[in-house]
C-alpha atoms as a PDB file:
ATOM      1  CA  MET A   1      -4.169-110.098 163.516  1.00  0.00           C
ATOM      2  CA  GLY A   2      -1.505-112.250 165.178  1.00  0.00           C
ATOM      3  CA  ARG A   3       1.027-111.380 162.476  1.00  0.00           C
ATOM      4  CA  VAL A   4       0.456-107.627 162.949  1.00  0.00           C
ATOM      5  CA  ALA A   5       0.922-107.975 166.713  1.00  0.00           C
ATOM      6  CA  TRP A   6       4.176-109.882 166.131  1.00  0.00           C
ATOM      7  CA  ILE A   7       5.474-107.170 163.767  1.00  0.00           C
ATOM      8  CA  VAL A   8       4.592-104.428 166.262  1.00  0.00           C
ATOM      9  CA  ALA A   9       6.304-106.353 169.065  1.00  0.00           C
ATOM     10  CA  ALA A  10       9.406-106.851 166.910  1.00  0.00           C
ATOM     11  CA  LEU A  11       9.567-103.150 166.060  1.00  0.00           C
ATOM     12  CA  VAL A  12       9.176-102.120 169.695  1.00  0.00           C
ATOM     13  CA  THR A  13      11.887-104.584 170.715  1.00  0.00           C
ATOM     14  CA  ALA A  14      14.241-103.382 167.960  1.00  0.00           C
ATOM     15  CA  SER A  15      13.648 -99.777 168.968  1.00  0.00           C
ATOM     16  CA  ALA A  16      14.375-100.581 172.607  1.00  0.00           C
ATOM     17  CA  VAL A  17      17.553-102.448 171.689  1.00  0.00           C
ATOM     18  CA  ALA A  18      18.729 -99.554 169.510  1.00  0.00           C
ATOM     19  CA  SER A  19      18.030 -97.105 172.340  1.00  0.00           C
ATOM     20  CA  ASP A  20      19.840 -99.146 174.970  1.00  0.00           C
ATOM     21  CA  HIS A  21      23.203 -99.203 173.211  1.00  0.00           C
ATOM     22  CA  LEU A  22      23.807 -95.429 173.368  1.00  0.00           C
ATOM     23  CA  PRO A  23      26.341 -94.454 176.011  1.00  0.00           C
ATOM     24  CA  ALA A  24      24.814 -92.452 178.859  1.00  0.00           C
ATOM     25  CA  ASN A  25      27.287 -89.600 178.315  1.00  0.00           C
ATOM     26  CA  VAL A  26      26.001 -89.300 174.736  1.00  0.00           C
ATOM     27  CA  ALA A  27      22.259 -89.724 175.335  1.00  0.00           C
ATOM     28  CA  LYS A  28      22.447 -87.397 178.369  1.00  0.00           C
ATOM     29  CA  ASP A  29      18.962 -86.517 179.643  1.00  0.00           C
ATOM     30  CA  ARG A  30      17.141 -87.476 176.441  1.00  0.00           C
ATOM     31  CA  ASN A  31      14.198 -89.829 176.734  1.00  0.00           C
ATOM     32  CA  LEU A  32      15.071 -91.976 173.722  1.00  0.00           C
ATOM     33  CA  SER A  33      11.658 -93.649 173.727  1.00  0.00           C
ATOM     34  CA  LEU A  34      10.401 -90.357 172.197  1.00  0.00           C
ATOM     35  CA  TYR A  35      12.864 -90.640 169.284  1.00  0.00           C
ATOM     36  CA  ASP A  36      12.750 -92.780 166.149  1.00  0.00           C
ATOM     37  CA  ALA A  37      15.929 -94.838 165.895  1.00  0.00           C
ATOM     38  CA  GLY A  38      17.468 -94.435 162.438  1.00  0.00           C
ATOM     39  CA  GLY A  39      20.042 -97.189 162.783  1.00  0.00           C
ATOM     40  CA  VAL A  40      23.808 -97.497 162.801  1.00  0.00           C
ATOM     41  CA  TYR A  41      25.916 -96.791 159.718  1.00  0.00           C
ATOM     42  CA  ARG A  42      29.489 -98.046 159.901  1.00  0.00           C
ATOM     43  CA  THR A  43      32.321 -97.662 157.384  1.00  0.00           C
ATOM     44  CA  ALA A  44      34.534-100.559 156.524  1.00  0.00           C
ATOM     45  CA  ILE A  45      37.944-100.232 158.186  1.00  0.00           C
ATOM     46  CA  GLY A  46      39.832 -97.441 156.455  1.00  0.00           C
ATOM     47  CA  ALA A  47      36.919 -96.456 154.188  1.00  0.00           C
ATOM     48  CA  HIS A  48      35.672 -92.876 154.060  1.00  0.00           C
ATOM     49  CA  GLN A  49      32.183 -93.451 152.630  1.00  0.00           C
ATOM     50  CA  LEU A  50      29.324 -94.638 154.800  1.00  0.00           C
ATOM     51  CA  PRO A  51      27.293 -97.560 153.451  1.00  0.00           C
ATOM     52  CA  ASP A  52      23.663 -96.946 152.450  1.00  0.00           C
ATOM     53  CA  ILE A  53      24.224 -93.189 152.568  1.00  0.00           C
ATOM     54  CA  GLU A  54      20.960 -92.497 150.721  1.00  0.00           C
ATOM     55  CA  ARG A  55      18.922 -94.236 153.422  1.00  0.00           C
ATOM     56  CA  LEU A  56      20.761 -92.236 156.103  1.00  0.00           C
ATOM     57  CA  ARG A  57      20.124 -88.957 154.257  1.00  0.00           C
ATOM     58  CA  GLN A  58      16.459 -89.844 153.775  1.00  0.00           C
ATOM     59  CA  PHE A  59      15.980 -90.573 157.483  1.00  0.00           C
ATOM     60  CA  ILE A  60      17.560 -87.255 158.480  1.00  0.00           C
ATOM     61  CA  TRP A  61      15.761 -85.241 155.791  1.00  0.00           C
ATOM     62  CA  SER A  62      12.316 -86.730 156.465  1.00  0.00           C
ATOM     63  CA  HIS A  63      12.583 -86.255 160.219  1.00  0.00           C
ATOM     64  CA  TRP A  64      13.869 -82.718 159.774  1.00  0.00           C
ATOM     65  CA  THR A  65      11.173 -81.613 157.333  1.00  0.00           C
ATOM     66  CA  GLN A  66       8.379 -83.374 159.252  1.00  0.00           C
ATOM     67  CA  LYS A  67       9.643 -82.083 162.640  1.00  0.00           C
ATOM     68  CA  ARG A  68       9.897 -85.579 164.106  1.00  0.00           C
ATOM     69  CA  ARG A  69      12.400 -86.602 166.746  1.00  0.00           C
ATOM     70  CA  GLY A  70      14.971 -89.114 165.624  1.00  0.00           C
ATOM     71  CA  TYR A  71      18.563 -90.165 166.093  1.00  0.00           C
ATOM     72  CA  VAL A  72      21.172 -91.978 164.057  1.00  0.00           C
ATOM     73  CA  GLU A  73      24.654 -93.256 164.729  1.00  0.00           C
ATOM     74  CA  PHE A  74      27.415 -93.278 162.141  1.00  0.00           C
ATOM     75  CA  VAL A  75      30.857 -94.692 162.769  1.00  0.00           C
ATOM     76  CA  PHE A  76      34.124 -94.080 160.948  1.00  0.00           C
ATOM     77  CA  GLN A  77      36.516 -96.980 161.641  1.00  0.00           C
ATOM     78  CA  GLY A  78      40.264 -97.126 161.281  1.00  0.00           C
ATOM     79  CA  LYS A  79      42.612 -99.997 162.119  1.00  0.00           C
ATOM     80  CA  ASP A  80      43.086 -98.919 165.721  1.00  0.00           C
ATOM     81  CA  ALA A  81      41.009 -95.749 166.155  1.00  0.00           C
ATOM     82  CA  GLY A  82      37.790 -94.159 165.011  1.00  0.00           C
ATOM     83  CA  SER A  83      34.840 -92.011 165.931  1.00  0.00           C
ATOM     84  CA  GLU A  84      31.240 -92.728 166.790  1.00  0.00           C
ATOM     85  CA  ASN A  85      28.924 -89.899 165.761  1.00  0.00           C
ATOM     86  CA  TYR A  86      25.353 -89.307 166.844  1.00  0.00           C
ATOM     87  CA  PHE A  87      22.792 -86.933 165.314  1.00  0.00           C
ATOM     88  CA  PHE A  88      19.772 -86.103 167.473  1.00  0.00           C
ATOM     89  CA  ILE A  89      16.949 -84.383 165.570  1.00  0.00           C
ATOM     90  CA  GLU A  90      14.958 -82.609 168.256  1.00  0.00           C
ATOM     91  CA  PRO A  91      13.123 -79.480 169.341  1.00  0.00           C
ATOM     92  CA  THR A  92      14.894 -76.943 171.511  1.00  0.00           C
ATOM     93  CA  GLY A  93      13.014 -73.878 172.702  1.00  0.00           C
ATOM     94  CA  ASP A  94      11.038 -72.487 169.771  1.00  0.00           C
ATOM     95  CA  ARG A  95      13.048 -74.166 166.977  1.00  0.00           C
ATOM     96  CA  TRP A  96      14.402 -77.518 165.843  1.00  0.00           C
ATOM     97  CA  ARG A  97      18.026 -78.554 165.760  1.00  0.00           C
ATOM     98  CA  ILE A  98      20.340 -81.435 165.126  1.00  0.00           C
ATOM     99  CA  ALA A  99      22.631 -81.955 168.088  1.00  0.00           C
ATOM    100  CA  TRP A 100      25.831 -83.659 166.905  1.00  0.00           C
ATOM    101  CA  VAL A 101      27.837 -85.595 169.480  1.00  0.00           C
ATOM    102  CA  GLU A 102      31.130 -87.284 168.542  1.00  0.00           C
ATOM    103  CA  GLN A 103      33.016 -89.843 170.629  1.00  0.00           C
ATOM    104  CA  HIS A 104      36.572 -90.765 169.620  1.00  0.00           C
ATOM    105  CA  TYR A 105      38.066 -94.133 170.521  1.00  0.00           C
ATOM    106  CA  GLN A 106      41.365 -95.979 170.204  1.00  0.00           C
ATOM    107  CA  ALA A 107      42.216 -99.650 170.572  1.00  0.00           C
ATOM    108  CA  LEU A 108      45.160 -99.165 172.900  1.00  0.00           C
ATOM    109  CA  PRO A 109      45.681-100.932 176.236  1.00  0.00           C
ATOM    110  CA  GLY A 110      44.711 -98.618 179.080  1.00  0.00           C
ATOM    111  CA  TYR A 111      43.252 -95.976 176.744  1.00  0.00           C
ATOM    112  CA  SER A 112      40.678 -93.775 178.424  1.00  0.00           C
ATOM    113  CA  PRO A 113      38.459 -91.987 175.893  1.00  0.00           C
ATOM    114  CA  PRO A 114      38.063 -88.225 176.159  1.00  0.00           C
ATOM    115  CA  PRO A 115      34.641 -86.757 176.896  1.00  0.00           C
ATOM    116  CA  PRO A 116      32.334 -86.631 173.872  1.00  0.00           C
ATOM    117  CA  GLN A 117      32.801 -83.640 171.591  1.00  0.00           C
ATOM    118  CA  ILE A 118      29.670 -81.514 171.210  1.00  0.00           C
ATOM    119  CA  HIS A 119      29.594 -79.790 167.821  1.00  0.00           C
ATOM    120  CA  ARG A 120      27.725 -76.572 167.002  1.00  0.00           C
ATOM    121  CA  ASP A 121      23.965 -77.040 166.741  1.00  0.00           C
ATOM    122  CA  ILE A 122      22.732 -77.591 163.225  1.00  0.00           C
ATOM    123  CA  VAL A 123      19.699 -75.373 162.595  1.00  0.00           C
ATOM    124  CA  THR A 124      19.397 -75.490 158.795  1.00  0.00           C
ATOM    125  CA  ILE A 125      19.722 -78.286 156.251  1.00  0.00           C
ATOM    126  CA  LYS A 126      20.071 -77.668 152.542  1.00  0.00           C
ATOM    127  CA  ARG A 127      19.594 -80.420 150.004  1.00  0.00           C
ATOM    128  CA  VAL A 128      21.854 -79.989 146.995  1.00  0.00           C
ATOM    129  CA  ARG A 129      21.953 -82.665 144.274  1.00  0.00           C
ATOM    130  CA  GLY A 130      20.879 -85.298 146.786  1.00  0.00           C
ATOM    131  CA  ALA A 131      23.561 -84.471 149.375  1.00  0.00           C
ATOM    132  CA  LEU A 132      22.815 -82.684 152.639  1.00  0.00           C
ATOM    133  CA  THR A 133      24.647 -79.589 153.854  1.00  0.00           C
ATOM    134  CA  PHE A 134      24.260 -78.754 157.542  1.00  0.00           C
ATOM    135  CA  LEU A 135      24.465 -75.124 158.739  1.00  0.00           C
ATOM    136  CA  ASP A 136      24.695 -73.500 162.160  1.00  0.00           C
ATOM    137  CA  ALA A 137      22.832 -70.419 163.467  1.00  0.00           C
ATOM    138  CA  LYS A 138      25.362 -68.097 161.779  1.00  0.00           C
ATOM    139  CA  ASN A 139      24.747 -69.817 158.428  1.00  0.00           C
ATOM    140  CA  ARG A 140      28.206 -71.450 158.514  1.00  0.00           C
ATOM    141  CA  ILE A 141      28.686 -74.962 157.164  1.00  0.00           C
ATOM    142  CA  VAL A 142      29.037 -77.497 159.973  1.00  0.00           C
ATOM    143  CA  THR A 143      29.376 -80.604 157.795  1.00  0.00           C
ATOM    144  CA  HIS A 144      28.138 -82.388 154.645  1.00  0.00           C
ATOM    145  CA  LEU A 145      26.609 -85.784 154.194  1.00  0.00           C
END
């Protein structure tokens, strides 16, 4: 029983650590203790493909289809600039959505980042040949993953 308690404690600690790193202007009024943390996915500098993309897709797809709250962070890195992206899978009113928040950054002295960009809500996900296509309320493509 001691081993199970240790594993539970480790998972709770990992979840708390993952929740604490989100900037307040990104998390906003969300109680992140209600969300499953899906991890951070970060490209190599200059790369365009996220590592472990299948695991990321599976987390999003399973939470979406099971109507479970969750969030993930994915980061595209350049030499001196990049963007941190956050997907929040959550209920809103009488439906579910993915709220996509994007924060750009640059490694320049004195650089002050702009406010996070809030993308259109994602209200539909289609799975095509393993990839995910995200659509807004007007059935327009928001992004692919």
